Each structure stands twice: as structure tokens, then as C-alpha cells.
Amino acid sequence: MAQQINVNIRMDKEVKEKADALFNALGFNFTTAINTFVKQALREQAIPFQPKIERKSLDRYIEEYYEKDIETILKEASQSDEKPTEIDWGKPVGEEVW
């Protein structure tokens, strides 16, 4: 068996309590859940979940960028005759995608 060490982390008390309740319901204790997370990250060489921007934050970012509210932006986009000619990373697709 590999040598074990103690690791200390800081988190909000309420977060820890909720995590304990969730992990216990899943049949884990906190230590086992954290170890599972770390081992999965090492196995995949990535965070084992996809970080996402909350929709509300994304809407706010778009509103600030275009200096319009999201409803106006979506309405204008749906009424536009313009069709995209490139996919997100900028490579031409050679034909319309809509």
C-alpha cells in the first residue's frame, strides 16, 4: 500500500456540511469522495467534469459586450438574414450551416 499523507483544505462550513450529506447518501465519506475525484482527474489528465459559465453570467457578459439587453440581441439575431459562413474556431465550412 502506498504511503498516505494528510491534506488540509479550507472551505465554507455550509459547503462542507452539504458535501458530507451528499457523499454519505452516495455511500462515501468526504475523504473517499475527494480521493475519487483526484484519482479520476489523474486517470483522465483533466478535471473530471466540464466547468461551465452559468447562463445568467453568460447573458450578462453578452449584454455588456453588445451594450444591449439579451432579449433585444436574441430578437435581432432571429430576424437577421445573415447566415454564418465559419464555425466557431474560424475555419471556413465551405457551405451554409443553416
N, C-alpha and C. Protein backbone atom coordinates (compact mmCIF):
# COMPACT_ATOMS: atom_id res chain seq x y z
N MET A 1 0.85 -1.18 0.00
CA MET A 1 0.00 0.00 0.00
C MET A 1 0.89 1.24 0.00
N ALA A 2 0.47 2.25 -0.78
CA ALA A 2 1.23 3.49 -0.86
C ALA A 2 1.16 4.24 0.47
N GLN A 3 2.22 4.98 0.75
CA GLN A 3 2.24 5.79 1.97
C GLN A 3 1.18 6.88 1.86
N GLN A 4 0.45 7.10 2.93
CA GLN A 4 -0.59 8.11 2.93
C GLN A 4 -0.13 9.34 3.70
N ILE A 5 -0.65 10.50 3.28
CA ILE A 5 -0.37 11.77 3.96
C ILE A 5 -1.68 12.46 4.26
N ASN A 6 -1.65 13.43 5.14
CA ASN A 6 -2.83 14.26 5.42
C ASN A 6 -2.76 15.50 4.54
N VAL A 7 -3.89 15.91 4.03
CA VAL A 7 -4.00 17.12 3.22
C VAL A 7 -5.06 18.00 3.86
N ASN A 8 -4.75 19.25 4.08
CA ASN A 8 -5.70 20.20 4.68
C ASN A 8 -6.22 21.15 3.60
N ILE A 9 -7.53 21.34 3.56
CA ILE A 9 -8.12 22.30 2.63
C ILE A 9 -9.08 23.19 3.42
N ARG A 10 -9.33 24.37 2.89
CA ARG A 10 -10.28 25.29 3.51
C ARG A 10 -11.52 25.39 2.64
N MET A 11 -12.67 25.40 3.28
CA MET A 11 -13.92 25.63 2.57
C MET A 11 -14.96 26.14 3.56
N ASP A 12 -16.01 26.71 3.02
CA ASP A 12 -17.09 27.21 3.87
C ASP A 12 -17.72 26.06 4.64
N LYS A 13 -18.07 26.31 5.87
CA LYS A 13 -18.67 25.29 6.73
C LYS A 13 -19.93 24.71 6.09
N GLU A 14 -20.79 25.57 5.56
CA GLU A 14 -22.04 25.12 4.96
C GLU A 14 -21.79 24.21 3.76
N VAL A 15 -20.79 24.54 2.95
CA VAL A 15 -20.44 23.72 1.79
C VAL A 15 -19.99 22.34 2.25
N LYS A 16 -19.15 22.30 3.28
CA LYS A 16 -18.66 21.03 3.82
C LYS A 16 -19.82 20.18 4.34
N GLU A 17 -20.74 20.79 5.07
CA GLU A 17 -21.87 20.06 5.62
C GLU A 17 -22.75 19.47 4.51
N LYS A 18 -23.00 20.27 3.47
CA LYS A 18 -23.81 19.79 2.35
C LYS A 18 -23.08 18.68 1.59
N ALA A 19 -21.78 18.84 1.42
CA ALA A 19 -20.99 17.81 0.74
C ALA A 19 -21.01 16.51 1.55
N ASP A 20 -20.83 16.61 2.87
CA ASP A 20 -20.89 15.42 3.72
C ASP A 20 -22.22 14.70 3.56
N ALA A 21 -23.31 15.45 3.56
CA ALA A 21 -24.63 14.84 3.43
C ALA A 21 -24.78 14.15 2.07
N LEU A 22 -24.34 14.80 1.01
CA LEU A 22 -24.42 14.21 -0.32
C LEU A 22 -23.57 12.96 -0.41
N PHE A 23 -22.32 13.07 0.00
CA PHE A 23 -21.40 11.93 -0.11
C PHE A 23 -21.89 10.75 0.73
N ASN A 24 -22.40 11.04 1.93
CA ASN A 24 -22.93 9.96 2.78
C ASN A 24 -24.12 9.27 2.11
N ALA A 25 -24.98 10.06 1.46
CA ALA A 25 -26.12 9.49 0.75
C ALA A 25 -25.67 8.59 -0.40
N LEU A 26 -24.49 8.91 -0.97
CA LEU A 26 -23.94 8.11 -2.06
C LEU A 26 -23.09 6.94 -1.56
N GLY A 27 -22.93 6.84 -0.23
CA GLY A 27 -22.17 5.74 0.34
C GLY A 27 -20.69 6.04 0.50
N PHE A 28 -20.30 7.32 0.43
CA PHE A 28 -18.92 7.73 0.58
C PHE A 28 -18.77 8.57 1.85
N ASN A 29 -17.55 8.67 2.34
CA ASN A 29 -17.26 9.72 3.30
C ASN A 29 -16.52 10.81 2.53
N PHE A 30 -16.26 11.93 3.17
CA PHE A 30 -15.66 13.07 2.50
C PHE A 30 -14.30 12.70 1.90
N THR A 31 -13.46 12.02 2.68
CA THR A 31 -12.12 11.65 2.22
C THR A 31 -12.18 10.76 0.99
N THR A 32 -13.06 9.78 0.99
CA THR A 32 -13.18 8.88 -0.15
C THR A 32 -13.65 9.64 -1.39
N ALA A 33 -14.58 10.56 -1.22
CA ALA A 33 -15.08 11.35 -2.35
C ALA A 33 -13.96 12.20 -2.96
N ILE A 34 -13.17 12.86 -2.12
CA ILE A 34 -12.07 13.69 -2.62
C ILE A 34 -11.02 12.82 -3.30
N ASN A 35 -10.69 11.68 -2.69
CA ASN A 35 -9.73 10.77 -3.32
C ASN A 35 -10.22 10.27 -4.67
N THR A 36 -11.51 9.97 -4.76
CA THR A 36 -12.10 9.53 -6.03
C THR A 36 -11.96 10.62 -7.08
N PHE A 37 -12.26 11.86 -6.71
CA PHE A 37 -12.12 13.00 -7.62
C PHE A 37 -10.68 13.11 -8.13
N VAL A 38 -9.70 13.06 -7.23
CA VAL A 38 -8.30 13.24 -7.60
C VAL A 38 -7.83 12.08 -8.49
N LYS A 39 -8.19 10.86 -8.15
CA LYS A 39 -7.78 9.71 -8.96
C LYS A 39 -8.38 9.77 -10.36
N GLN A 40 -9.63 10.19 -10.45
CA GLN A 40 -10.27 10.32 -11.76
C GLN A 40 -9.59 11.41 -12.58
N ALA A 41 -9.23 12.52 -11.95
CA ALA A 41 -8.52 13.60 -12.64
C ALA A 41 -7.18 13.10 -13.17
N LEU A 42 -6.47 12.35 -12.37
CA LEU A 42 -5.19 11.80 -12.81
C LEU A 42 -5.37 10.81 -13.95
N ARG A 43 -6.39 9.97 -13.85
CA ARG A 43 -6.65 8.98 -14.89
C ARG A 43 -6.96 9.66 -16.23
N GLU A 44 -7.79 10.69 -16.18
CA GLU A 44 -8.22 11.38 -17.40
C GLU A 44 -7.27 12.50 -17.82
N GLN A 45 -6.36 12.88 -16.92
CA GLN A 45 -5.47 14.02 -17.16
C GLN A 45 -6.28 15.28 -17.45
N ALA A 46 -7.36 15.42 -16.70
CA ALA A 46 -8.27 16.56 -16.85
C ALA A 46 -9.17 16.62 -15.63
N ILE A 47 -9.82 17.74 -15.45
CA ILE A 47 -10.84 17.84 -14.42
C ILE A 47 -11.99 16.94 -14.86
N PRO A 48 -12.48 16.05 -14.00
CA PRO A 48 -13.48 15.08 -14.44
C PRO A 48 -14.90 15.61 -14.56
N PHE A 49 -15.04 16.85 -14.87
CA PHE A 49 -16.32 17.45 -15.18
C PHE A 49 -16.01 18.68 -16.02
N GLN A 50 -16.98 19.18 -16.73
CA GLN A 50 -16.76 20.32 -17.60
C GLN A 50 -17.18 21.60 -16.90
N PRO A 51 -16.20 22.48 -16.58
CA PRO A 51 -16.59 23.76 -15.98
C PRO A 51 -17.44 24.55 -16.97
N LYS A 52 -18.47 25.18 -16.48
CA LYS A 52 -19.38 25.94 -17.34
C LYS A 52 -19.64 27.31 -16.76
N ILE A 53 -19.93 28.24 -17.63
CA ILE A 53 -20.37 29.56 -17.20
C ILE A 53 -21.87 29.46 -16.98
N GLU A 54 -22.34 29.93 -15.84
CA GLU A 54 -23.78 29.92 -15.60
C GLU A 54 -24.45 30.79 -16.64
N ARG A 55 -25.61 30.35 -17.08
CA ARG A 55 -26.34 31.07 -18.14
C ARG A 55 -26.52 32.54 -17.79
N LYS A 56 -26.86 32.83 -16.55
CA LYS A 56 -27.07 34.21 -16.15
C LYS A 56 -25.80 35.04 -16.36
N SER A 57 -24.65 34.48 -16.01
CA SER A 57 -23.38 35.18 -16.18
C SER A 57 -23.07 35.39 -17.66
N LEU A 58 -23.34 34.36 -18.48
CA LEU A 58 -23.10 34.47 -19.91
C LEU A 58 -23.99 35.54 -20.52
N ASP A 59 -25.27 35.55 -20.15
CA ASP A 59 -26.17 36.59 -20.64
C ASP A 59 -25.65 37.98 -20.28
N ARG A 60 -25.21 38.14 -19.04
CA ARG A 60 -24.70 39.43 -18.60
C ARG A 60 -23.48 39.84 -19.40
N TYR A 61 -22.57 38.88 -19.68
CA TYR A 61 -21.38 39.16 -20.48
C TYR A 61 -21.77 39.63 -21.87
N ILE A 62 -22.71 38.92 -22.49
CA ILE A 62 -23.15 39.27 -23.84
C ILE A 62 -23.79 40.66 -23.84
N GLU A 63 -24.61 40.94 -22.85
CA GLU A 63 -25.25 42.25 -22.77
C GLU A 63 -24.21 43.36 -22.66
N GLU A 64 -23.19 43.16 -21.85
CA GLU A 64 -22.14 44.17 -21.71
C GLU A 64 -21.37 44.34 -23.01
N TYR A 65 -21.07 43.22 -23.67
CA TYR A 65 -20.28 43.27 -24.90
C TYR A 65 -21.02 44.03 -26.00
N TYR A 66 -22.29 43.72 -26.18
CA TYR A 66 -23.06 44.35 -27.25
C TYR A 66 -23.77 45.62 -26.81
N GLU A 67 -23.70 45.93 -25.53
CA GLU A 67 -24.34 47.11 -24.95
C GLU A 67 -25.85 47.13 -25.25
N LYS A 68 -26.46 45.94 -25.22
CA LYS A 68 -27.89 45.77 -25.40
C LYS A 68 -28.34 44.68 -24.44
N ASP A 69 -29.65 44.65 -24.14
CA ASP A 69 -30.13 43.57 -23.28
C ASP A 69 -30.26 42.29 -24.10
N ILE A 70 -30.19 41.16 -23.44
CA ILE A 70 -30.15 39.85 -24.11
C ILE A 70 -31.39 39.60 -24.96
N GLU A 71 -32.55 40.06 -24.52
CA GLU A 71 -33.79 39.84 -25.29
C GLU A 71 -33.70 40.55 -26.65
N THR A 72 -33.16 41.77 -26.66
CA THR A 72 -33.00 42.52 -27.91
C THR A 72 -32.01 41.82 -28.83
N ILE A 73 -30.91 41.34 -28.27
CA ILE A 73 -29.89 40.65 -29.06
C ILE A 73 -30.48 39.40 -29.71
N LEU A 74 -31.21 38.60 -28.92
CA LEU A 74 -31.80 37.37 -29.45
C LEU A 74 -32.85 37.66 -30.51
N LYS A 75 -33.65 38.71 -30.29
CA LYS A 75 -34.69 39.08 -31.25
C LYS A 75 -34.05 39.52 -32.57
N GLU A 76 -33.02 40.36 -32.49
CA GLU A 76 -32.33 40.82 -33.70
C GLU A 76 -31.68 39.66 -34.44
N ALA A 77 -31.09 38.73 -33.70
CA ALA A 77 -30.44 37.58 -34.32
C ALA A 77 -31.46 36.70 -35.04
N SER A 78 -32.62 36.51 -34.44
CA SER A 78 -33.63 35.65 -35.06
C SER A 78 -34.25 36.29 -36.30
N GLN A 79 -34.20 37.61 -36.39
CA GLN A 79 -34.78 38.32 -37.53
C GLN A 79 -33.75 38.59 -38.63
N SER A 80 -32.50 38.27 -38.37
CA SER A 80 -31.43 38.55 -39.32
C SER A 80 -31.45 37.56 -40.48
N ASP A 81 -31.13 38.05 -41.67
CA ASP A 81 -30.99 37.19 -42.85
C ASP A 81 -29.56 36.67 -42.99
N GLU A 82 -28.64 37.18 -42.17
CA GLU A 82 -27.25 36.75 -42.26
C GLU A 82 -27.11 35.31 -41.79
N LYS A 83 -26.34 34.53 -42.53
CA LYS A 83 -26.07 33.15 -42.16
C LYS A 83 -24.57 33.02 -41.88
N PRO A 84 -24.22 32.23 -40.88
CA PRO A 84 -22.80 32.06 -40.58
C PRO A 84 -22.09 31.32 -41.71
N THR A 85 -20.86 31.73 -41.98
CA THR A 85 -20.06 31.06 -43.01
C THR A 85 -18.82 30.40 -42.40
N GLU A 86 -18.63 30.57 -41.11
CA GLU A 86 -17.50 29.96 -40.43
C GLU A 86 -18.00 29.32 -39.15
N ILE A 87 -17.36 28.24 -38.76
CA ILE A 87 -17.68 27.65 -37.49
C ILE A 87 -16.87 28.32 -36.40
N ASP A 88 -17.18 28.03 -35.15
CA ASP A 88 -16.66 28.77 -34.02
C ASP A 88 -15.17 29.03 -34.05
N TRP A 89 -14.35 28.08 -34.46
CA TRP A 89 -12.92 28.31 -34.38
C TRP A 89 -12.34 28.97 -35.62
N GLY A 90 -13.20 29.41 -36.53
CA GLY A 90 -12.77 30.27 -37.62
C GLY A 90 -12.40 29.58 -38.92
N LYS A 91 -12.53 28.27 -39.04
CA LYS A 91 -12.21 27.60 -40.28
C LYS A 91 -13.43 27.62 -41.20
N PRO A 92 -13.24 27.99 -42.47
CA PRO A 92 -14.40 28.03 -43.37
C PRO A 92 -15.02 26.65 -43.51
N VAL A 93 -16.34 26.63 -43.57
CA VAL A 93 -17.04 25.36 -43.72
C VAL A 93 -17.37 25.08 -45.18
N GLY A 94 -17.28 26.09 -46.04
CA GLY A 94 -17.50 25.89 -47.46
C GLY A 94 -18.94 25.88 -47.90
N GLU A 95 -19.85 25.83 -46.96
CA GLU A 95 -21.27 25.86 -47.30
C GLU A 95 -22.04 26.39 -46.09
N GLU A 96 -23.26 26.81 -46.33
CA GLU A 96 -24.07 27.33 -45.24
C GLU A 96 -24.38 26.23 -44.25
N VAL A 97 -24.42 26.62 -42.97
CA VAL A 97 -24.73 25.63 -41.94
C VAL A 97 -26.16 25.72 -41.47
N TRP A 98 -26.93 26.67 -41.97
CA TRP A 98 -28.32 26.80 -41.54
C TRP A 98 -29.25 26.24 -42.57
